[in-house]
């Protein structure tokens, strides 16, 4: 759990994060870390928070925020409510939330994602402690076994620096190097 705290506070070296084999990630992480993956069929943020309080995991994952629902009048308002609830729940444990991008990026000449590209609400940008984007500069090598360039853009980090980490991705074995 100490590494997670260091990452949240922006005190972990880039070299400590990579390389990470996605297919073997659970085997390489200390067995004491408890994960909580939130099932899509239970798309209520209140039940999610209740389970967090009960289980007290070291980290929780939501895939993705657009599938959670509340009784609100608009999607923007709904995402804002969920974002605020997840921010409050992050006092229980770190929460990693996947979010869709809006389509504005398709119409720009510069395809690098920005905070403004987060879909449905500005509250996601406001509430998040850390926002990262995976970005592939071109489709070259995107299929097959050849590695291709990919960037991890740290667009926001409350307690640390922002910037870009350049990597290669090997799709045949799910490895970032």
Protein backbone atom coordinates (compact mmCIF):
# COMPACT_ATOMS: atom_id res chain seq x y z
CA UNK A 1 0.00 0.00 0.00
CA UNK A 2 3.00 2.30 0.52
CA UNK A 3 3.71 2.48 -3.23
CA UNK A 4 0.12 3.51 -3.92
CA UNK A 5 0.38 6.34 -1.42
CA UNK A 6 3.68 7.45 -2.95
CA UNK A 7 2.12 7.40 -6.44
CA UNK A 8 -0.88 9.46 -5.28
CA UNK A 9 1.50 12.01 -3.76
CA UNK A 10 3.67 12.16 -6.88
CA UNK A 11 6.77 10.67 -5.23
CA UNK A 12 7.40 7.60 -7.37
CA UNK A 13 10.06 7.39 -10.05
CA UNK A 14 9.08 6.72 -13.66
CA UNK A 15 11.46 3.76 -13.67
CA UNK A 16 9.53 2.18 -10.80
CA UNK A 17 6.34 2.14 -12.87
CA UNK A 18 7.70 0.50 -16.02
CA UNK A 19 8.12 -2.08 -17.45
CA UNK A 20 4.82 -3.58 -16.34
CA UNK A 21 3.42 -6.71 -17.96
CA UNK A 22 -0.32 -6.21 -18.15
CA UNK A 23 -1.00 -9.94 -18.39
CA UNK A 24 1.10 -10.66 -15.30
CA UNK A 25 0.36 -7.50 -13.31
CA UNK A 26 -1.59 -9.26 -10.60
CA UNK A 27 1.24 -11.79 -10.12
CA UNK A 28 3.88 -9.08 -9.76
CA UNK A 29 1.98 -6.95 -7.26
CA UNK A 30 2.38 -7.72 -3.58
CA UNK A 31 -0.25 -10.30 -2.55
CA UNK A 32 -1.25 -8.09 0.39
CA UNK A 33 -2.84 -5.50 -1.88
CA UNK A 34 -6.60 -5.97 -2.14
CA UNK A 35 -8.23 -4.95 -5.42
CA UNK A 36 -11.88 -4.13 -5.92
CA UNK A 37 -13.16 -4.23 -9.49
CA UNK A 38 -16.64 -2.76 -9.66
CA UNK A 39 -19.04 -4.88 -11.75
CA UNK A 40 -20.96 -3.03 -14.47
CA UNK A 41 -24.27 -4.71 -13.60
CA UNK A 42 -24.24 -2.84 -10.27
CA UNK A 43 -24.08 0.63 -11.74
CA UNK A 44 -25.10 2.61 -8.67
CA UNK A 45 -22.44 4.84 -7.05
CA UNK A 46 -24.07 4.47 -3.63
CA UNK A 47 -23.74 0.66 -3.67
CA UNK A 48 -20.15 1.06 -4.89
CA UNK A 49 -19.29 3.28 -1.91
CA UNK A 50 -21.09 0.94 0.51
CA UNK A 51 -18.98 -1.97 -0.78
CA UNK A 52 -15.81 0.10 -0.45
CA UNK A 53 -16.65 0.84 3.18
CA UNK A 54 -17.34 -2.83 3.83
CA UNK A 55 -14.35 -4.32 1.98
CA UNK A 56 -11.79 -1.54 2.61
CA UNK A 57 -9.61 -2.52 -0.40
CA UNK A 58 -6.22 -0.94 -1.04
CA UNK A 59 -7.40 0.28 -4.46
CA UNK A 60 -10.64 0.21 -6.46
CA UNK A 61 -11.31 0.41 -10.19
CA UNK A 62 -14.41 1.67 -12.05
CA UNK A 63 -14.75 0.73 -15.72
CA UNK A 64 -16.20 3.18 -16.69
CA UNK A 65 -17.90 6.19 -15.10
CA UNK A 66 -20.38 6.58 -17.96
CA UNK A 67 -22.01 3.28 -17.03
CA UNK A 68 -22.80 4.39 -13.48
CA UNK A 69 -26.24 5.93 -13.04
CA UNK A 70 -28.13 8.19 -10.65
CA UNK A 71 -31.60 9.70 -10.76
CA UNK A 72 -30.62 13.01 -12.35
CA UNK A 73 -32.14 14.99 -15.20
CA UNK A 74 -29.08 15.14 -17.50
CA UNK A 75 -25.97 13.13 -18.25
CA UNK A 76 -23.75 16.08 -17.35
CA UNK A 77 -25.42 16.45 -13.95
CA UNK A 78 -25.24 12.69 -13.42
CA UNK A 79 -21.51 12.54 -14.11
CA UNK A 80 -20.96 15.55 -11.83
CA UNK A 81 -22.79 13.82 -8.96
CA UNK A 82 -20.92 10.55 -9.48
CA UNK A 83 -17.60 12.39 -9.72
CA UNK A 84 -18.23 14.19 -6.41
CA UNK A 85 -19.29 10.94 -4.72
CA UNK A 86 -16.17 9.12 -5.96
CA UNK A 87 -13.97 12.01 -4.81
CA UNK A 88 -15.45 11.74 -1.31
CA UNK A 89 -15.07 7.94 -1.39
CA UNK A 90 -11.37 8.28 -2.24
CA UNK A 91 -10.81 8.88 1.47
CA UNK A 92 -11.53 5.13 1.90
CA UNK A 93 -9.00 4.05 -0.76
CA UNK A 94 -7.54 5.29 -4.07
CA UNK A 95 -10.06 4.92 -6.89
CA UNK A 96 -9.05 4.59 -10.53
CA UNK A 97 -11.87 5.60 -12.87
CA UNK A 98 -11.94 5.09 -16.63
CA UNK A 99 -13.76 7.74 -18.62
CA UNK A 100 -14.66 8.16 -22.27
CA UNK A 101 -13.32 11.02 -24.31
CA UNK A 102 -15.64 13.33 -26.25
CA UNK A 103 -15.45 13.37 -30.04
CA UNK A 104 -14.00 16.89 -30.36
CA UNK A 105 -10.52 15.38 -30.58
CA UNK A 106 -11.43 13.80 -33.95
CA UNK A 107 -11.95 17.23 -35.52
CA UNK A 108 -8.70 18.83 -34.34
CA UNK A 109 -5.44 18.73 -36.21
CA UNK A 110 -3.57 18.07 -32.95
CA UNK A 111 -4.87 14.69 -31.71
CA UNK A 112 -3.17 14.73 -28.30
CA UNK A 113 -5.88 14.45 -25.63
CA UNK A 114 -6.37 17.26 -23.12
CA UNK A 115 -8.41 17.68 -19.94
CA UNK A 116 -11.14 19.41 -21.96
CA UNK A 117 -11.66 16.14 -23.88
CA UNK A 118 -13.10 14.31 -20.87
CA UNK A 119 -16.66 13.40 -21.74
CA UNK A 120 -19.87 14.76 -20.17
CA UNK A 121 -18.57 16.97 -17.38
CA UNK A 122 -15.95 19.46 -16.29
CA UNK A 123 -16.35 18.12 -12.78
CA UNK A 124 -14.20 15.09 -13.68
CA UNK A 125 -11.28 17.41 -14.33
CA UNK A 126 -12.05 19.39 -11.18
CA UNK A 127 -12.51 16.45 -8.80
CA UNK A 128 -9.67 14.20 -9.97
CA UNK A 129 -6.32 14.22 -8.18
CA UNK A 130 -4.53 12.62 -11.13
CA UNK A 131 -5.63 12.49 -14.79
CA UNK A 132 -3.66 10.45 -17.30
CA UNK A 133 -4.21 9.69 -20.97
CA UNK A 134 -2.81 6.86 -23.05
CA UNK A 135 -2.11 8.28 -26.49
CA UNK A 136 -0.87 6.57 -29.63
CA UNK A 137 0.56 9.17 -32.05
CA UNK A 138 -0.22 7.04 -35.13
CA UNK A 139 -1.77 3.74 -36.08
CA UNK A 140 1.59 2.41 -37.26
CA UNK A 141 2.13 -1.02 -35.77
CA UNK A 142 -1.21 -0.94 -33.96
CA UNK A 143 -2.06 -4.45 -35.02
CA UNK A 144 0.04 -7.56 -35.04
CA UNK A 145 3.16 -8.32 -33.07
CA UNK A 146 5.29 -5.25 -33.77
CA UNK A 147 5.85 -2.75 -30.97
CA UNK A 148 4.50 0.74 -31.41
CA UNK A 149 4.99 4.11 -29.73
CA UNK A 150 2.55 5.07 -27.02
CA UNK A 151 2.57 7.93 -24.55
CA UNK A 152 1.27 8.17 -21.02
CA UNK A 153 0.38 11.82 -20.61
CA UNK A 154 0.02 12.95 -17.00
CA UNK A 155 -2.30 15.89 -17.63
CA UNK A 156 -3.07 16.67 -14.00
CA UNK A 157 -1.47 15.73 -10.71
CA UNK A 158 -2.37 17.72 -7.62
CA UNK A 159 0.71 16.71 -5.64
CA UNK A 160 3.28 16.29 -8.35
CA UNK A 161 4.50 17.19 -11.79
CA UNK A 162 2.78 16.69 -15.12
CA UNK A 163 4.36 15.51 -18.34
CA UNK A 164 4.71 12.75 -20.87
CA UNK A 165 6.22 9.30 -20.50
CA UNK A 166 7.25 7.83 -23.84
CA UNK A 167 6.91 4.06 -24.08
CA UNK A 168 6.70 1.21 -26.51
CA UNK A 169 3.79 -1.20 -26.37
CA UNK A 170 4.17 -4.83 -27.38
CA UNK A 171 0.58 -5.92 -28.09
CA UNK A 172 1.37 -9.61 -28.51
CA UNK A 173 2.38 -9.93 -24.84
CA UNK A 174 0.74 -6.82 -23.33
CA UNK A 175 4.02 -5.21 -22.29
CA UNK A 176 4.76 -1.50 -21.85
CA UNK A 177 8.49 -0.70 -21.95
